[in-house]
Amino acid sequence: VLLSEFAWMSYVSMVAIFLFVIFFEVGPGPIPWFIVAELFSQGPR
């Protein structure tokens, strides 16, 4: 939103993209696979 007013906001966007990917890889990327495997017994797993 502020990119047209402040050129340095492109760096904010780039850092935010990298952080988004890092946080995904730490939490919502792999964790659901752990949780799904642990929530169900051997039969329906």
All heavy atoms as atom14 arrays in JSON, in Angstrom:
{
  "sequence": "VLLSEFAWMSYVSMVAIFLFVIFFEVGPGPIPWFIVAELFSQGPR",
  "atom14_mask": [
    [1, 1, 1, 1, 1, 1, 1, 0, 0, 0, 0, 0, 0, 0],
    [1, 1, 1, 1, 1, 1, 1, 1, 0, 0, 0, 0, 0, 0],
    [1, 1, 1, 1, 1, 1, 1, 1, 0, 0, 0, 0, 0, 0],
    [1, 1, 1, 1, 1, 1, 0, 0, 0, 0, 0, 0, 0, 0],
    [1, 1, 1, 1, 1, 1, 1, 1, 1, 0, 0, 0, 0, 0],
    [1, 1, 1, 1, 1, 1, 1, 1, 1, 1, 1, 0, 0, 0],
    [1, 1, 1, 1, 1, 0, 0, 0, 0, 0, 0, 0, 0, 0],
    [1, 1, 1, 1, 1, 1, 1, 1, 1, 1, 1, 1, 1, 1],
    [1, 1, 1, 1, 1, 1, 1, 1, 0, 0, 0, 0, 0, 0],
    [1, 1, 1, 1, 1, 1, 0, 0, 0, 0, 0, 0, 0, 0],
    [1, 1, 1, 1, 1, 1, 1, 1, 1, 1, 1, 1, 0, 0],
    [1, 1, 1, 1, 1, 1, 1, 0, 0, 0, 0, 0, 0, 0],
    [1, 1, 1, 1, 1, 1, 0, 0, 0, 0, 0, 0, 0, 0],
    [1, 1, 1, 1, 1, 1, 1, 1, 0, 0, 0, 0, 0, 0],
    [1, 1, 1, 1, 1, 1, 1, 0, 0, 0, 0, 0, 0, 0],
    [1, 1, 1, 1, 1, 0, 0, 0, 0, 0, 0, 0, 0, 0],
    [1, 1, 1, 1, 1, 1, 1, 1, 0, 0, 0, 0, 0, 0],
    [1, 1, 1, 1, 1, 1, 1, 1, 1, 1, 1, 0, 0, 0],
    [1, 1, 1, 1, 1, 1, 1, 1, 0, 0, 0, 0, 0, 0],
    [1, 1, 1, 1, 1, 1, 1, 1, 1, 1, 1, 0, 0, 0],
    [1, 1, 1, 1, 1, 1, 1, 0, 0, 0, 0, 0, 0, 0],
    [1, 1, 1, 1, 1, 1, 1, 1, 0, 0, 0, 0, 0, 0],
    [1, 1, 1, 1, 1, 1, 1, 1, 1, 1, 1, 0, 0, 0],
    [1, 1, 1, 1, 1, 1, 1, 1, 1, 1, 1, 0, 0, 0],
    [1, 1, 1, 1, 1, 1, 1, 1, 1, 0, 0, 0, 0, 0],
    [1, 1, 1, 1, 1, 1, 1, 0, 0, 0, 0, 0, 0, 0],
    [1, 1, 1, 1, 0, 0, 0, 0, 0, 0, 0, 0, 0, 0],
    [1, 1, 1, 1, 1, 1, 1, 0, 0, 0, 0, 0, 0, 0],
    [1, 1, 1, 1, 0, 0, 0, 0, 0, 0, 0, 0, 0, 0],
    [1, 1, 1, 1, 1, 1, 1, 0, 0, 0, 0, 0, 0, 0],
    [1, 1, 1, 1, 1, 1, 1, 1, 0, 0, 0, 0, 0, 0],
    [1, 1, 1, 1, 1, 1, 1, 0, 0, 0, 0, 0, 0, 0],
    [1, 1, 1, 1, 1, 1, 1, 1, 1, 1, 1, 1, 1, 1],
    [1, 1, 1, 1, 1, 1, 1, 1, 1, 1, 1, 0, 0, 0],
    [1, 1, 1, 1, 1, 1, 1, 1, 0, 0, 0, 0, 0, 0],
    [1, 1, 1, 1, 1, 1, 1, 0, 0, 0, 0, 0, 0, 0],
    [1, 1, 1, 1, 1, 0, 0, 0, 0, 0, 0, 0, 0, 0],
    [1, 1, 1, 1, 1, 1, 1, 1, 1, 0, 0, 0, 0, 0],
    [1, 1, 1, 1, 1, 1, 1, 1, 0, 0, 0, 0, 0, 0],
    [1, 1, 1, 1, 1, 1, 1, 1, 1, 1, 1, 0, 0, 0],
    [1, 1, 1, 1, 1, 1, 0, 0, 0, 0, 0, 0, 0, 0],
    [1, 1, 1, 1, 1, 1, 1, 1, 1, 0, 0, 0, 0, 0],
    [1, 1, 1, 1, 0, 0, 0, 0, 0, 0, 0, 0, 0, 0],
    [1, 1, 1, 1, 1, 1, 1, 0, 0, 0, 0, 0, 0, 0],
    [1, 1, 1, 1, 1, 1, 1, 1, 1, 1, 1, 0, 0, 0]
  ],
  "atom14_positions": [
    [[0.84, -1.21, 0.0], [0.0, 0.0, 0.0], [0.86, 1.26, 0.0], [0.57, 2.23, -0.7], [-0.97, -0.01, 1.2], [-1.63, 1.34, 1.39], [-2.02, -1.1, 1.03], [0.0, 0.0, 0.0], [0.0, 0.0, 0.0], [0.0, 0.0, 0.0], [0.0, 0.0, 0.0], [0.0, 0.0, 0.0], [0.0, 0.0, 0.0], [0.0, 0.0, 0.0]],
    [[1.95, 1.25, 0.76], [2.79, 2.44, 0.89], [3.97, 2.48, -0.08], [4.79, 3.4, -0.02], [3.31, 2.54, 2.34], [2.23, 2.71, 3.41], [2.87, 2.73, 4.8], [1.4, 3.95, 3.17], [0.0, 0.0, 0.0], [0.0, 0.0, 0.0], [0.0, 0.0, 0.0], [0.0, 0.0, 0.0], [0.0, 0.0, 0.0], [0.0, 0.0, 0.0]],
    [[4.02, 1.52, -0.98], [5.14, 1.44, -1.92], [5.26, 2.68, -2.8], [6.36, 3.16, -3.07], [5.01, 0.19, -2.79], [6.15, -0.12, -3.73], [7.46, -0.29, -2.96], [5.85, -1.36, -4.53], [0.0, 0.0, 0.0], [0.0, 0.0, 0.0], [0.0, 0.0, 0.0], [0.0, 0.0, 0.0], [0.0, 0.0, 0.0], [0.0, 0.0, 0.0]],
    [[4.14, 3.23, -3.21], [4.18, 4.42, -4.09], [4.66, 5.67, -3.34], [5.17, 6.6, -3.96], [2.81, 4.66, -4.71], [1.86, 4.9, -3.7], [0.0, 0.0, 0.0], [0.0, 0.0, 0.0], [0.0, 0.0, 0.0], [0.0, 0.0, 0.0], [0.0, 0.0, 0.0], [0.0, 0.0, 0.0], [0.0, 0.0, 0.0], [0.0, 0.0, 0.0]],
    [[4.53, 5.68, -2.02], [4.96, 6.84, -1.23], [6.39, 6.74, -0.74], [7.09, 7.74, -0.61], [4.02, 7.03, -0.04], [2.59, 7.39, -0.45], [1.69, 7.53, 0.76], [2.15, 8.06, 1.79], [0.53, 7.1, 0.66], [0.0, 0.0, 0.0], [0.0, 0.0, 0.0], [0.0, 0.0, 0.0], [0.0, 0.0, 0.0], [0.0, 0.0, 0.0]],
    [[6.81, 5.51, -0.41], [8.14, 5.28, 0.14], [8.8, 4.14, -0.63], [8.34, 3.0, -0.56], [8.08, 4.91, 1.62], [7.34, 5.9, 2.47], [6.04, 5.64, 2.89], [7.93, 7.1, 2.85], [5.35, 6.54, 3.67], [7.25, 8.0, 3.64], [5.95, 7.73, 4.05], [0.0, 0.0, 0.0], [0.0, 0.0, 0.0], [0.0, 0.0, 0.0]],
    [[9.86, 4.44, -1.32], [10.54, 3.42, -2.13], [11.1, 2.29, -1.27], [11.16, 1.13, -1.7], [11.66, 4.06, -2.94], [0.0, 0.0, 0.0], [0.0, 0.0, 0.0], [0.0, 0.0, 0.0], [0.0, 0.0, 0.0], [0.0, 0.0, 0.0], [0.0, 0.0, 0.0], [0.0, 0.0, 0.0], [0.0, 0.0, 0.0], [0.0, 0.0, 0.0]],
    [[11.49, 2.59, -0.02], [12.08, 1.57, 0.84], [11.06, 0.53, 1.32], [11.44, -0.48, 1.91], [12.8, 2.21, 2.03], [11.95, 3.15, 2.85], [11.82, 4.5, 2.67], [11.13, 2.8, 3.96], [10.96, 5.01, 3.61], [10.52, 3.99, 4.43], [10.84, 1.62, 4.63], [9.65, 4.02, 5.5], [9.97, 1.64, 5.69], [9.38, 2.83, 6.13]],
    [[9.79, 0.77, 1.06], [8.77, -0.21, 1.44], [8.91, -1.51, 0.65], [8.41, -2.55, 1.06], [7.36, 0.35, 1.24], [6.9, 1.21, 2.36], [6.76, 0.21, 3.85], [6.19, 1.44, 4.99], [0.0, 0.0, 0.0], [0.0, 0.0, 0.0], [0.0, 0.0, 0.0], [0.0, 0.0, 0.0], [0.0, 0.0, 0.0], [0.0, 0.0, 0.0]],
    [[9.62, -1.46, -0.48], [9.87, -2.7, -1.22], [10.7, -3.66, -0.37], [10.49, -4.88, -0.43], [10.55, -2.41, -2.54], [11.82, -1.82, -2.32], [0.0, 0.0, 0.0], [0.0, 0.0, 0.0], [0.0, 0.0, 0.0], [0.0, 0.0, 0.0], [0.0, 0.0, 0.0], [0.0, 0.0, 0.0], [0.0, 0.0, 0.0], [0.0, 0.0, 0.0]],
    [[11.61, -3.11, 0.44], [12.4, -3.96, 1.33], [11.53, -4.55, 2.44], [11.73, -5.71, 2.84], [13.57, -3.17, 1.93], [14.54, -2.69, 0.88], [14.65, -1.34, 0.58], [15.32, -3.6, 0.17], [15.53, -0.9, -0.4], [16.21, -3.17, -0.81], [16.29, -1.82, -1.08], [17.17, -1.39, -2.05], [0.0, 0.0, 0.0], [0.0, 0.0, 0.0]],
    [[10.59, -3.78, 2.93], [9.66, -4.29, 3.94], [8.86, -5.46, 3.36], [8.7, -6.51, 4.02], [8.7, -3.17, 4.44], [7.59, -3.74, 5.31], [9.47, -2.1, 5.19], [0.0, 0.0, 0.0], [0.0, 0.0, 0.0], [0.0, 0.0, 0.0], [0.0, 0.0, 0.0], [0.0, 0.0, 0.0], [0.0, 0.0, 0.0], [0.0, 0.0, 0.0]],
    [[8.4, -5.3, 2.14], [7.65, -6.37, 1.49], [8.51, -7.61, 1.29], [8.04, -8.74, 1.51], [7.1, -5.9, 0.14], [6.17, -4.87, 0.32], [0.0, 0.0, 0.0], [0.0, 0.0, 0.0], [0.0, 0.0, 0.0], [0.0, 0.0, 0.0], [0.0, 0.0, 0.0], [0.0, 0.0, 0.0], [0.0, 0.0, 0.0], [0.0, 0.0, 0.0]],
    [[9.76, -7.42, 0.87], [10.64, -8.57, 0.65], [10.92, -9.31, 1.96], [10.87, -10.54, 2.01], [11.96, -8.13, 0.01], [11.84, -7.85, -1.47], [13.43, -7.66, -2.31], [14.31, -6.53, -1.28], [0.0, 0.0, 0.0], [0.0, 0.0, 0.0], [0.0, 0.0, 0.0], [0.0, 0.0, 0.0], [0.0, 0.0, 0.0], [0.0, 0.0, 0.0]],
    [[11.22, -8.57, 3.01], [11.47, -9.2, 4.31], [10.22, -9.92, 4.79], [10.29, -11.04, 5.32], [11.95, -8.15, 5.34], [11.96, -8.71, 6.75], [13.33, -7.63, 4.96], [0.0, 0.0, 0.0], [0.0, 0.0, 0.0], [0.0, 0.0, 0.0], [0.0, 0.0, 0.0], [0.0, 0.0, 0.0], [0.0, 0.0, 0.0], [0.0, 0.0, 0.0]],
    [[9.06, -9.31, 4.59], [7.8, -9.94, 5.0], [7.56, -11.25, 4.24], [7.08, -12.22, 4.83], [6.64, -8.97, 4.8], [0.0, 0.0, 0.0], [0.0, 0.0, 0.0], [0.0, 0.0, 0.0], [0.0, 0.0, 0.0], [0.0, 0.0, 0.0], [0.0, 0.0, 0.0], [0.0, 0.0, 0.0], [0.0, 0.0, 0.0], [0.0, 0.0, 0.0]],
    [[7.9, -11.27, 2.97], [7.74, -12.5, 2.19], [8.66, -13.6, 2.72], [8.24, -14.74, 2.91], [8.02, -12.24, 0.69], [6.89, -11.41, 0.09], [8.17, -13.55, -0.08], [7.19, -10.86, -1.28], [0.0, 0.0, 0.0], [0.0, 0.0, 0.0], [0.0, 0.0, 0.0], [0.0, 0.0, 0.0], [0.0, 0.0, 0.0], [0.0, 0.0, 0.0]],
    [[9.91, -13.24, 2.99], [10.85, -14.23, 3.54], [10.38, -14.75, 4.9], [10.43, -15.94, 5.17], [12.27, -13.66, 3.65], [12.92, -13.44, 2.31], [13.59, -12.25, 2.04], [12.9, -14.42, 1.33], [14.2, -12.05, 0.82], [13.5, -14.23, 0.1], [14.16, -13.04, -0.16], [0.0, 0.0, 0.0], [0.0, 0.0, 0.0], [0.0, 0.0, 0.0]],
    [[9.91, -13.83, 5.75], [9.42, -14.24, 7.06], [8.18, -15.11, 6.95], [8.01, -16.07, 7.71], [9.13, -13.01, 7.93], [10.37, -12.27, 8.44], [9.95, -11.0, 9.17], [11.2, -13.16, 9.34], [0.0, 0.0, 0.0], [0.0, 0.0, 0.0], [0.0, 0.0, 0.0], [0.0, 0.0, 0.0], [0.0, 0.0, 0.0], [0.0, 0.0, 0.0]],
    [[7.3, -14.78, 6.0], [6.1, -15.59, 5.77], [6.49, -17.03, 5.46], [5.96, -17.97, 6.04], [5.29, -14.98, 4.62], [3.94, -15.6, 4.42], [2.82, -15.07, 5.03], [3.77, -16.72, 3.61], [1.57, -15.63, 4.85], [2.53, -17.29, 3.41], [1.42, -16.73, 4.04], [0.0, 0.0, 0.0], [0.0, 0.0, 0.0], [0.0, 0.0, 0.0]],
    [[7.45, -17.2, 4.57], [7.9, -18.55, 4.18], [8.57, -19.25, 5.36], [8.33, -20.43, 5.61], [8.84, -18.47, 2.96], [9.48, -19.82, 2.68], [8.08, -17.97, 1.74], [0.0, 0.0, 0.0], [0.0, 0.0, 0.0], [0.0, 0.0, 0.0], [0.0, 0.0, 0.0], [0.0, 0.0, 0.0], [0.0, 0.0, 0.0], [0.0, 0.0, 0.0]],
    [[9.39, -18.53, 6.11], [10.07, -19.12, 7.27], [9.04, -19.59, 8.31], [9.12, -20.71, 8.82], [11.07, -18.13, 7.89], [12.27, -17.95, 6.96], [11.51, -18.58, 9.28], [13.17, -16.78, 7.32], [0.0, 0.0, 0.0], [0.0, 0.0, 0.0], [0.0, 0.0, 0.0], [0.0, 0.0, 0.0], [0.0, 0.0, 0.0], [0.0, 0.0, 0.0]],
    [[8.07, -18.74, 8.62], [7.05, -19.12, 9.6], [6.21, -20.29, 9.09], [5.81, -21.14, 9.88], [6.17, -17.93, 9.98], [6.8, -17.03, 10.99], [7.17, -15.74, 10.65], [7.02, -17.46, 12.28], [7.75, -14.9, 11.58], [7.6, -16.63, 13.23], [7.96, -15.35, 12.87], [0.0, 0.0, 0.0], [0.0, 0.0, 0.0], [0.0, 0.0, 0.0]],
    [[5.94, -20.33, 7.8], [5.21, -21.47, 7.24], [6.01, -22.75, 7.43], [5.46, -23.79, 7.81], [4.9, -21.24, 5.75], [4.25, -22.43, 5.11], [2.9, -22.65, 5.27], [5.0, -23.33, 4.36], [2.29, -23.76, 4.68], [4.4, -24.43, 3.77], [3.04, -24.64, 3.94], [0.0, 0.0, 0.0], [0.0, 0.0, 0.0], [0.0, 0.0, 0.0]],
    [[7.3, -22.69, 7.13], [8.15, -23.89, 7.23], [8.37, -24.34, 8.66], [8.67, -25.5, 8.9], [9.5, -23.63, 6.55], [9.41, -23.5, 5.05], [8.86, -24.75, 4.37], [9.13, -25.86, 4.86], [8.17, -24.61, 3.36], [0.0, 0.0, 0.0], [0.0, 0.0, 0.0], [0.0, 0.0, 0.0], [0.0, 0.0, 0.0], [0.0, 0.0, 0.0]],
    [[8.21, -23.44, 9.63], [8.38, -23.8, 11.03], [7.08, -24.37, 11.61], [7.12, -25.26, 12.45], [8.83, -22.56, 11.84], [8.71, -22.8, 13.33], [10.26, -22.2, 11.49], [0.0, 0.0, 0.0], [0.0, 0.0, 0.0], [0.0, 0.0, 0.0], [0.0, 0.0, 0.0], [0.0, 0.0, 0.0], [0.0, 0.0, 0.0], [0.0, 0.0, 0.0]],
    [[5.94, -23.86, 11.17], [4.68, -24.28, 11.79], [3.7, -24.94, 10.86], [3.62, -26.17, 10.79], [0.0, 0.0, 0.0], [0.0, 0.0, 0.0], [0.0, 0.0, 0.0], [0.0, 0.0, 0.0], [0.0, 0.0, 0.0], [0.0, 0.0, 0.0], [0.0, 0.0, 0.0], [0.0, 0.0, 0.0], [0.0, 0.0, 0.0], [0.0, 0.0, 0.0]],
    [[2.9, -24.16, 10.14], [1.81, -24.74, 9.34], [2.23, -25.63, 8.19], [1.41, -26.36, 7.65], [1.08, -23.5, 8.81], [1.38, -22.44, 9.81], [2.79, -22.71, 10.25], [0.0, 0.0, 0.0], [0.0, 0.0, 0.0], [0.0, 0.0, 0.0], [0.0, 0.0, 0.0], [0.0, 0.0, 0.0], [0.0, 0.0, 0.0], [0.0, 0.0, 0.0]],
    [[3.48, -25.63, 7.81], [3.93, -26.55, 6.76], [3.99, -27.99, 7.24], [3.26, -28.85, 6.77], [0.0, 0.0, 0.0], [0.0, 0.0, 0.0], [0.0, 0.0, 0.0], [0.0, 0.0, 0.0], [0.0, 0.0, 0.0], [0.0, 0.0, 0.0], [0.0, 0.0, 0.0], [0.0, 0.0, 0.0], [0.0, 0.0, 0.0], [0.0, 0.0, 0.0]],
    [[4.84, -28.27, 8.22], [4.99, -29.67, 8.65], [4.08, -30.11, 9.8], [3.73, -31.29, 9.89], [6.45, -29.72, 9.12], [6.73, -28.33, 9.58], [5.93, -27.43, 8.69], [0.0, 0.0, 0.0], [0.0, 0.0, 0.0], [0.0, 0.0, 0.0], [0.0, 0.0, 0.0], [0.0, 0.0, 0.0], [0.0, 0.0, 0.0], [0.0, 0.0, 0.0]],
    [[3.69, -29.23, 10.69], [2.98, -29.62, 11.92], [1.67, -30.35, 11.64], [1.37, -31.34, 12.32], [2.77, -28.41, 12.84], [4.1, -27.79, 13.25], [1.95, -28.8, 14.07], [5.01, -28.69, 14.04], [0.0, 0.0, 0.0], [0.0, 0.0, 0.0], [0.0, 0.0, 0.0], [0.0, 0.0, 0.0], [0.0, 0.0, 0.0], [0.0, 0.0, 0.0]],
    [[0.84, -29.92, 10.7], [-0.41, -30.66, 10.47], [-0.18, -32.14, 10.17], [-1.0, -32.98, 10.54], [-1.06, -29.95, 9.29], [-0.57, -28.54, 9.41], [0.85, -28.68, 9.89], [0.0, 0.0, 0.0], [0.0, 0.0, 0.0], [0.0, 0.0, 0.0], [0.0, 0.0, 0.0], [0.0, 0.0, 0.0], [0.0, 0.0, 0.0], [0.0, 0.0, 0.0]],
    [[0.93, -32.48, 9.53], [1.2, -33.88, 9.24], [1.47, -34.66, 10.52], [1.05, -35.81, 10.66], [2.36, -34.01, 8.26], [2.06, -33.34, 6.96], [2.58, -32.17, 6.5], [1.12, -33.77, 5.98], [2.03, -31.85, 5.3], [1.13, -32.82, 4.94], [0.28, -34.86, 5.87], [0.33, -32.94, 3.82], [-0.52, -34.97, 4.74], [-0.49, -34.02, 3.73]],
    [[2.16, -34.04, 11.47], [2.38, -34.67, 12.78], [1.04, -34.87, 13.49], [0.76, -35.93, 14.02], [3.26, -33.79, 13.69], [4.71, -33.78, 13.35], [5.25, -32.76, 12.59], [5.54, -34.78, 13.82], [6.6, -32.74, 12.3], [6.9, -34.76, 13.55], [7.43, -33.75, 12.78], [0.0, 0.0, 0.0], [0.0, 0.0, 0.0], [0.0, 0.0, 0.0]],
    [[0.25, -33.8, 13.52], [-0.99, -33.82, 14.29], [-1.98, -34.82, 13.71], [-2.6, -35.59, 14.45], [-1.6, -32.4, 14.39], [-0.7, -31.52, 15.25], [-3.0, -32.45, 14.98], [-1.12, -30.07, 15.33], [0.0, 0.0, 0.0], [0.0, 0.0, 0.0], [0.0, 0.0, 0.0], [0.0, 0.0, 0.0], [0.0, 0.0, 0.0], [0.0, 0.0, 0.0]],
    [[-2.15, -34.84, 12.4], [-3.08, -35.79, 11.78], [-2.66, -37.22, 12.1], [-3.5, -38.05, 12.44], [-3.17, -35.57, 10.25], [-3.92, -36.71, 9.57], [-3.86, -34.25, 9.95], [0.0, 0.0, 0.0], [0.0, 0.0, 0.0], [0.0, 0.0, 0.0], [0.0, 0.0, 0.0], [0.0, 0.0, 0.0], [0.0, 0.0, 0.0], [0.0, 0.0, 0.0]],
    [[-1.38, -37.5, 12.04], [-0.9, -38.85, 12.33], [-1.13, -39.22, 13.79], [-1.32, -40.39, 14.11], [0.58, -38.96, 11.98], [0.0, 0.0, 0.0], [0.0, 0.0, 0.0], [0.0, 0.0, 0.0], [0.0, 0.0, 0.0], [0.0, 0.0, 0.0], [0.0, 0.0, 0.0], [0.0, 0.0, 0.0], [0.0, 0.0, 0.0], [0.0, 0.0, 0.0]],
    [[-1.14, -38.24, 14.68], [-1.29, -38.54, 16.1], [-2.74, -38.5, 16.58], [-3.05, -39.0, 17.64], [-0.45, -37.55, 16.91], [1.03, -37.76, 16.69], [1.89, -36.69, 17.31], [1.36, -35.61, 17.67], [3.11, -36.91, 17.42], [0.0, 0.0, 0.0], [0.0, 0.0, 0.0], [0.0, 0.0, 0.0], [0.0, 0.0, 0.0], [0.0, 0.0, 0.0]],
    [[-3.63, -37.88, 15.8], [-5.03, -37.77, 16.23], [-5.85, -39.01, 15.94], [-6.91, -39.19, 16.53], [-5.71, -36.57, 15.54], [-5.35, -35.19, 16.05], [-6.12, -34.13, 15.29], [-5.57, -35.05, 17.53], [0.0, 0.0, 0.0], [0.0, 0.0, 0.0], [0.0, 0.0, 0.0], [0.0, 0.0, 0.0], [0.0, 0.0, 0.0], [0.0, 0.0, 0.0]],
    [[-5.37, -39.86, 15.04], [-6.16, -41.02, 14.62], [-5.45, -42.31, 15.02], [-4.23, -42.4, 14.97], [-6.39, -40.99, 13.11], [-7.26, -39.84, 12.69], [-6.7, -38.64, 12.3], [-8.64, -39.96, 12.69], [-7.49, -37.57, 11.92], [-9.44, -38.91, 12.32], [-8.87, -37.71, 11.93], [0.0, 0.0, 0.0], [0.0, 0.0, 0.0], [0.0, 0.0, 0.0]],
    [[-6.26, -43.3, 15.38], [-5.69, -44.61, 15.72], [-5.22, -45.3, 14.44], [-5.47, -44.82, 13.33], [-6.73, -45.46, 16.45], [-7.83, -45.72, 15.6], [0.0, 0.0, 0.0], [0.0, 0.0, 0.0], [0.0, 0.0, 0.0], [0.0, 0.0, 0.0], [0.0, 0.0, 0.0], [0.0, 0.0, 0.0], [0.0, 0.0, 0.0], [0.0, 0.0, 0.0]],
    [[-4.6, -46.44, 14.6], [-3.98, -47.13, 13.48], [-4.94, -47.44, 12.34], [-4.59, -47.32, 11.18], [-3.32, -48.43, 13.98], [-2.39, -49.08, 12.99], [-1.2, -48.2, 12.64], [-0.72, -47.43, 13.44], [-0.73, -48.31, 11.41], [0.0, 0.0, 0.0], [0.0, 0.0, 0.0], [0.0, 0.0, 0.0], [0.0, 0.0, 0.0], [0.0, 0.0, 0.0]],
    [[-6.18, -47.81, 12.65], [-7.13, -48.19, 11.6], [-7.47, -47.06, 10.65], [-7.26, -47.16, 9.43], [0.0, 0.0, 0.0], [0.0, 0.0, 0.0], [0.0, 0.0, 0.0], [0.0, 0.0, 0.0], [0.0, 0.0, 0.0], [0.0, 0.0, 0.0], [0.0, 0.0, 0.0], [0.0, 0.0, 0.0], [0.0, 0.0, 0.0], [0.0, 0.0, 0.0]],
    [[-8.01, -45.93, 11.15], [-8.41, -44.84, 10.24], [-7.28, -43.88, 9.85], [-7.48, -42.98, 9.04], [-9.48, -44.1, 11.02], [-9.18, -44.36, 12.45], [-8.55, -45.74, 12.49], [0.0, 0.0, 0.0], [0.0, 0.0, 0.0], [0.0, 0.0, 0.0], [0.0, 0.0, 0.0], [0.0, 0.0, 0.0], [0.0, 0.0, 0.0], [0.0, 0.0, 0.0]],
    [[-6.08, -44.08, 10.39], [-4.97, -43.14, 10.13], [-4.65, -42.99, 8.64], [-4.51, -41.86, 8.15], [-3.73, -43.56, 10.91], [-2.62, -42.53, 10.81], [-1.45, -42.88, 11.7], [-1.87, -42.87, 13.08], [-1.35, -43.65, 14.02], [-0.4, -44.5, 13.72], [-1.79, -43.58, 15.25], [0.0, 0.0, 0.0], [0.0, 0.0, 0.0], [0.0, 0.0, 0.0]]
  ]
}
